[in-house]
Amino acid sequence: MRRIALGTAQLGLDYGISNAGGQVSRREARAILADAAGRGVDLLDTAAAYGEAEAVIGALRPESDAFAVVTKTIRLPGDDAAAVAGRARASLDRLGRPAAEALLVHAAADLAGRAGDALWRALADLKAEGAYRRIGISAYAADDPAGLARRFRPDLMQVPVSLLDQRLVRDGTLAALAASGVEIHARSLFLQGLVFLAPERLPPALAHAGPALAARRDRAGGDMLGAALHFGLALPEVARLVVGVTSLAEWRALAAAAAAPSPGLDWPAFALDDATVLNPAAWRRDGP
């Protein structure tokens, strides 16, 4: 459980393709945090863009005090890196703490523009003053995470890795990041809950993938939760698996699956190469 980080998008937003319950209530969120802390989980992952999530974490004290927190920047407004730094300081106020574990650039594209170096210096200044112990980057596969690591030398990077999306495993990116000393946090382990959806619940943009997803569910013996979790746990390069839940019952099921023996499946056989399936921005619940 020490490798699990609890994602908090669901605490601040109606988030996830399989989320039928909407934003998690504060009462339920408090119960989730208390149970997670009792099982040894000690890291929360959040972001300025996750609706009320930072404020909810700040309001859920003392339960949230058991966790270190990773948060993320707002999008770079023009070339105004100072505005990003100012909002990062405001994140600490919302979280109700004088400092946090890490601050990540939420949109790697912000580092590619002409103000990219200034943005990174702003994060480095926050680290130097002790506001954030570490700084890093949240990236997609298309952002060239290894190239970003070579250029900026972040302390940690958050990247999408899942049973279905194994691109960064297959192309050697995870190995390269780990070899360079970057701590890797894997997100989208459940592809926002897509791995759990029955074919009839798929949005129109993903209907074509129903047979492929059903075949992988059969290969996992119906236990996609256990398969998805243990795929991540089997990756030695990954320090943390960022997972989100929408209820205490979901969290307890996840914790039980993590504690169970690995099913020892043929992990590469689960990978998909469908660009639409692997890109949540292309899903749209109401179709194209």
Protein backbone atom coordinates (compact mmCIF):
# COMPACT_ATOMS: atom_id res chain seq x y z
CA MET A 1 0.00 0.00 0.00
CA ARG A 2 3.00 2.31 0.37
CA ARG A 3 3.20 2.44 -3.42
CA ILE A 4 -0.38 3.68 -3.71
CA ALA A 5 -1.12 7.41 -3.98
CA LEU A 6 -4.74 8.42 -3.62
CA GLY A 7 -5.93 10.59 -6.51
CA THR A 8 -8.38 13.32 -5.55
CA ALA A 9 -9.98 14.49 -8.81
CA GLN A 10 -13.19 12.77 -7.69
CA LEU A 11 -13.17 14.81 -4.47
CA GLY A 12 -13.43 18.06 -6.42
CA LEU A 13 -15.21 17.13 -9.66
CA ASP A 14 -17.66 14.76 -11.31
CA TYR A 15 -14.75 12.88 -12.85
CA GLY A 16 -14.27 9.59 -14.70
CA ILE A 17 -16.03 7.82 -17.54
CA SER A 18 -17.39 5.12 -15.20
CA ASN A 19 -18.35 7.50 -12.38
CA ALA A 20 -22.11 7.30 -11.92
CA GLY A 21 -22.23 9.03 -8.54
CA GLY A 22 -20.72 12.43 -9.31
CA GLN A 23 -18.43 14.33 -6.97
CA VAL A 24 -17.64 12.45 -3.77
CA SER A 25 -19.35 13.91 -0.69
CA ARG A 26 -17.16 15.30 2.06
CA ARG A 27 -18.46 12.71 4.50
CA GLU A 28 -17.50 9.90 2.14
CA ALA A 29 -14.17 11.57 1.35
CA ARG A 30 -13.32 11.77 5.04
CA ALA A 31 -14.07 8.05 5.46
CA ILE A 32 -11.90 7.19 2.45
CA LEU A 33 -8.96 9.21 3.78
CA ALA A 34 -9.23 7.68 7.24
CA ASP A 35 -9.33 4.14 5.86
CA ALA A 36 -6.48 4.77 3.42
CA ALA A 37 -4.26 6.23 6.14
CA GLY A 38 -5.01 3.23 8.32
CA ARG A 39 -3.72 0.95 5.57
CA GLY A 40 -0.44 2.84 5.21
CA VAL A 41 -1.22 5.10 2.25
CA ASP A 42 0.63 8.39 2.79
CA LEU A 43 0.36 10.45 -0.42
CA LEU A 44 -2.47 12.44 -2.03
CA ASP A 45 -2.37 13.60 -5.64
CA THR A 46 -4.35 16.70 -6.56
CA ALA A 47 -4.28 19.76 -8.82
CA ALA A 48 -5.45 23.34 -9.07
CA ALA A 49 -7.61 22.22 -11.99
CA TYR A 50 -9.50 19.56 -9.97
CA GLY A 51 -12.39 21.81 -9.03
CA GLU A 52 -12.72 21.98 -5.23
CA ALA A 53 -10.21 19.19 -4.53
CA GLU A 54 -7.50 21.30 -2.89
CA ALA A 55 -10.03 23.08 -0.68
CA VAL A 56 -11.66 19.77 0.23
CA ILE A 57 -8.30 18.35 1.32
CA GLY A 58 -7.75 21.43 3.44
CA ALA A 59 -11.19 21.07 4.99
CA LEU A 60 -10.78 17.38 5.79
CA ARG A 61 -8.34 17.85 8.59
CA PRO A 62 -7.19 16.06 10.72
CA GLU A 63 -7.61 13.08 8.35
CA SER A 64 -5.72 14.75 5.49
CA ASP A 65 -2.81 15.63 7.78
CA ALA A 66 -1.70 11.99 7.56
CA PHE A 67 -0.75 12.51 3.92
CA ALA A 68 1.92 14.33 1.96
CA VAL A 69 0.43 16.16 -1.04
CA VAL A 70 1.43 16.49 -4.68
CA THR A 71 -0.41 19.25 -6.55
CA LYS A 72 -0.13 20.79 -10.00
CA THR A 73 0.05 24.20 -11.64
CA ILE A 74 -2.60 26.14 -13.50
CA ARG A 75 -2.12 26.56 -17.24
CA LEU A 76 0.46 29.21 -18.09
CA PRO A 77 -1.44 32.46 -18.86
CA GLY A 78 0.47 33.91 -21.78
CA ASP A 79 4.07 34.29 -20.65
CA ASP A 80 3.18 35.05 -17.02
CA ALA A 81 5.17 32.51 -15.04
CA ALA A 82 4.74 34.70 -11.94
CA ALA A 83 0.98 34.11 -12.10
CA VAL A 84 1.57 30.37 -12.02
CA ALA A 85 3.83 30.72 -8.99
CA GLY A 86 1.26 32.90 -7.26
CA ARG A 87 -1.46 30.32 -7.81
CA ALA A 88 0.89 27.60 -6.53
CA ARG A 89 1.27 29.56 -3.28
CA ALA A 90 -2.51 29.88 -3.13
CA SER A 91 -2.72 26.10 -3.45
CA LEU A 92 -0.88 25.80 -0.14
CA ASP A 93 -3.46 28.08 1.49
CA ARG A 94 -6.27 25.93 0.10
CA LEU A 95 -4.54 22.78 1.32
CA GLY A 96 -4.13 24.31 4.77
CA ARG A 97 -0.41 23.68 5.04
CA PRO A 98 2.74 25.81 4.89
CA ALA A 99 4.47 23.51 2.39
CA ALA A 100 3.71 20.47 0.25
CA GLU A 101 5.60 17.48 -1.07
CA ALA A 102 5.69 18.37 -4.75
CA LEU A 103 4.47 20.74 -7.44
CA LEU A 104 4.12 19.48 -11.01
CA VAL A 105 3.68 21.42 -14.23
CA HIS A 106 0.22 20.17 -15.16
CA ALA A 107 0.47 20.82 -18.90
CA ALA A 108 3.83 19.85 -20.35
CA ALA A 109 2.99 21.99 -23.39
CA ASP A 110 3.56 25.04 -21.19
CA LEU A 111 7.24 24.09 -21.01
CA ALA A 112 7.53 23.88 -24.79
CA GLY A 113 6.65 27.54 -25.39
CA ARG A 114 8.88 30.59 -25.17
CA ALA A 115 8.10 31.02 -21.48
CA GLY A 116 8.95 27.40 -20.66
CA ASP A 117 12.31 28.16 -19.09
CA ALA A 118 10.83 31.01 -17.05
CA LEU A 119 8.07 28.70 -15.82
CA TRP A 120 10.57 26.09 -14.72
CA ARG A 121 12.65 28.73 -12.93
CA ALA A 122 9.51 29.83 -11.10
CA LEU A 123 9.01 26.27 -9.84
CA ALA A 124 12.69 26.04 -8.90
CA ASP A 125 12.33 29.24 -6.87
CA LEU A 126 9.35 27.77 -5.00
CA LYS A 127 11.44 24.71 -4.22
CA ALA A 128 14.38 26.82 -3.07
CA GLU A 129 12.20 28.80 -0.67
CA GLY A 130 10.79 25.59 0.81
CA ALA A 131 7.21 25.91 -0.42
CA TYR A 132 7.50 22.60 -2.27
CA ARG A 133 10.05 19.94 -1.46
CA ARG A 134 10.23 18.66 -5.02
CA ILE A 135 9.18 19.82 -8.49
CA GLY A 136 8.25 17.88 -11.57
CA ILE A 137 6.14 17.46 -14.68
CA SER A 138 2.87 15.75 -15.54
CA ALA A 139 3.19 14.50 -19.11
CA TYR A 140 1.43 12.46 -21.76
CA ALA A 141 3.14 9.91 -23.98
CA ALA A 142 3.08 12.39 -26.89
CA ASP A 143 4.96 14.98 -24.80
CA ASP A 144 8.22 12.97 -24.98
CA PRO A 145 8.64 12.48 -21.21
CA ALA A 146 12.23 11.29 -21.57
CA GLY A 147 13.14 14.41 -23.55
CA LEU A 148 11.49 16.63 -20.93
CA ALA A 149 13.48 14.87 -18.23
CA ARG A 150 16.75 15.43 -20.07
CA ARG A 151 15.98 19.13 -20.54
CA PHE A 152 14.58 20.07 -17.14
CA ARG A 153 15.87 17.33 -14.78
CA PRO A 154 12.69 17.10 -12.68
CA ASP A 155 12.60 15.36 -9.33
CA LEU A 156 9.55 13.39 -10.39
CA MET A 157 7.28 12.86 -13.36
CA GLN A 158 3.70 11.68 -13.57
CA VAL A 159 2.85 9.75 -16.73
CA PRO A 160 -0.06 7.61 -17.99
CA VAL A 161 0.51 3.87 -17.73
CA SER A 162 -2.10 1.16 -17.69
CA LEU A 163 -2.83 -2.43 -18.57
CA LEU A 164 -4.27 -1.15 -21.85
CA ASP A 165 -1.78 1.67 -22.43
CA GLN A 166 1.71 0.19 -22.27
CA ARG A 167 3.37 2.59 -24.72
CA LEU A 168 5.86 4.03 -22.23
CA VAL A 169 6.83 0.55 -21.09
CA ARG A 170 7.38 -0.80 -24.59
CA ASP A 171 9.35 2.17 -25.92
CA GLY A 172 11.74 2.22 -22.95
CA THR A 173 10.59 5.58 -21.55
CA LEU A 174 9.96 4.28 -18.03
CA ALA A 175 13.36 2.59 -17.96
CA ALA A 176 15.07 5.76 -19.22
CA LEU A 177 13.34 7.96 -16.62
CA ALA A 178 14.21 5.59 -13.79
CA ALA A 179 17.82 5.34 -14.96
CA SER A 180 18.11 9.14 -14.89
CA GLY A 181 16.98 9.26 -11.26
CA VAL A 182 13.47 10.60 -11.87
CA GLU A 183 10.80 9.29 -9.51
CA ILE A 184 7.91 7.96 -11.60
CA HIS A 185 4.26 8.26 -10.61
CA ALA A 186 1.90 6.29 -12.88
CA ARG A 187 -1.56 7.75 -13.41
CA SER A 188 -4.58 6.61 -15.46
CA LEU A 189 -4.05 3.07 -14.20
CA PHE A 190 -7.73 2.39 -14.87
CA LEU A 191 -8.00 4.79 -17.83
CA GLN A 192 -10.55 6.86 -15.87
CA GLY A 193 -12.53 3.67 -15.22
CA LEU A 194 -12.68 2.52 -18.84
CA VAL A 195 -11.19 -0.87 -17.95
CA PHE A 196 -14.32 -1.60 -15.88
CA LEU A 197 -17.00 -0.62 -18.40
CA ALA A 198 -19.20 -3.26 -20.02
CA PRO A 199 -19.50 -2.90 -23.83
CA GLU A 200 -23.07 -1.60 -23.60
CA ARG A 201 -21.93 1.29 -21.38
CA LEU A 202 -19.23 2.55 -23.72
CA PRO A 203 -19.76 6.04 -25.18
CA PRO A 204 -20.30 6.15 -28.95
CA ALA A 205 -16.72 7.17 -29.65
CA LEU A 206 -15.50 3.93 -28.06
CA ALA A 207 -18.20 1.50 -29.21
CA HIS A 208 -15.84 0.04 -31.80
CA ALA A 209 -13.49 -1.07 -29.00
CA GLY A 210 -16.11 -3.20 -27.24
CA PRO A 211 -14.89 -6.57 -28.58
CA ALA A 212 -11.23 -5.82 -27.76
CA LEU A 213 -12.09 -4.70 -24.24
CA ALA A 214 -14.34 -7.74 -23.69
CA ALA A 215 -11.52 -10.03 -24.82
CA ARG A 216 -9.19 -8.50 -22.27
CA ARG A 217 -11.78 -8.83 -19.54
CA ASP A 218 -12.04 -12.54 -20.39
CA ARG A 219 -8.26 -12.87 -20.36
CA ALA A 220 -8.26 -11.43 -16.81
CA GLY A 221 -10.92 -13.89 -15.69
CA GLY A 222 -13.30 -10.99 -15.19
CA ASP A 223 -11.07 -9.35 -12.56
CA MET A 224 -9.93 -6.22 -14.34
CA LEU A 225 -9.37 -4.41 -11.04
CA GLY A 226 -6.85 -6.98 -9.85
CA ALA A 227 -5.22 -7.23 -13.26
CA ALA A 228 -4.89 -3.46 -13.67
CA LEU A 229 -3.47 -2.97 -10.18
CA HIS A 230 -1.01 -5.83 -10.33
CA PHE A 231 0.19 -4.77 -13.77
CA GLY A 232 1.22 -1.47 -12.19
CA LEU A 233 2.70 -3.12 -9.13
CA ALA A 234 4.80 -5.34 -11.41
CA LEU A 235 6.57 -2.31 -12.93
CA PRO A 236 9.81 -1.87 -10.95
CA GLU A 237 10.41 1.61 -12.38
CA VAL A 238 7.19 3.01 -10.90
CA ALA A 239 7.40 4.40 -7.38
CA ARG A 240 3.72 5.33 -7.00
CA LEU A 241 0.44 4.27 -8.56
CA VAL A 242 -2.07 7.14 -8.52
CA VAL A 243 -5.60 5.74 -8.16
CA GLY A 244 -8.92 7.46 -7.59
CA VAL A 245 -12.19 6.15 -6.18
CA THR A 246 -15.74 7.43 -5.86
CA SER A 247 -16.78 5.69 -2.63
CA LEU A 248 -15.47 3.96 0.47
CA ALA A 249 -16.70 0.66 -0.94
CA GLU A 250 -14.64 1.20 -4.11
CA TRP A 251 -11.60 2.07 -2.04
CA ARG A 252 -11.93 -1.06 0.11
CA ALA A 253 -12.30 -3.22 -2.99
CA LEU A 254 -9.18 -1.63 -4.44
CA ALA A 255 -7.21 -2.15 -1.23
CA ALA A 256 -8.28 -5.80 -1.09
CA ALA A 257 -7.22 -6.33 -4.71
CA ALA A 258 -3.83 -4.74 -4.05
CA ALA A 259 -3.28 -7.03 -1.05
CA ALA A 260 -4.20 -10.17 -3.00
CA PRO A 261 -1.55 -12.27 -4.79
CA SER A 262 -0.69 -11.19 -8.31
CA PRO A 263 -2.60 -13.13 -10.96
CA GLY A 264 0.67 -13.40 -12.91
CA LEU A 265 -0.92 -12.73 -16.28
CA ASP A 266 0.69 -12.18 -19.67
CA TRP A 267 0.77 -8.40 -19.31
CA PRO A 268 1.88 -7.47 -22.87
CA ALA A 269 -1.14 -9.34 -24.26
CA PHE A 270 -3.47 -6.72 -22.72
CA ALA A 271 -1.97 -3.73 -24.54
CA LEU A 272 -4.03 -1.79 -27.06
CA ASP A 273 -2.75 0.36 -29.91
CA ASP A 274 -6.05 2.20 -30.54
CA ALA A 275 -5.27 5.93 -30.33
CA THR A 276 -8.89 6.82 -29.56
CA VAL A 277 -9.12 4.39 -26.63
CA LEU A 278 -5.84 5.61 -25.18
CA ASN A 279 -6.75 9.31 -25.44
CA PRO A 280 -9.50 10.33 -22.97
CA ALA A 281 -9.83 13.71 -24.71
CA ALA A 282 -11.31 11.84 -27.69
CA TRP A 283 -14.00 9.99 -25.75
CA ARG A 284 -16.82 12.50 -25.10
CA ARG A 285 -19.70 10.76 -23.37
CA ASP A 286 -22.19 12.13 -25.92
CA GLY A 287 -20.21 10.89 -28.91
CA PRO A 288 -18.26 12.75 -31.59
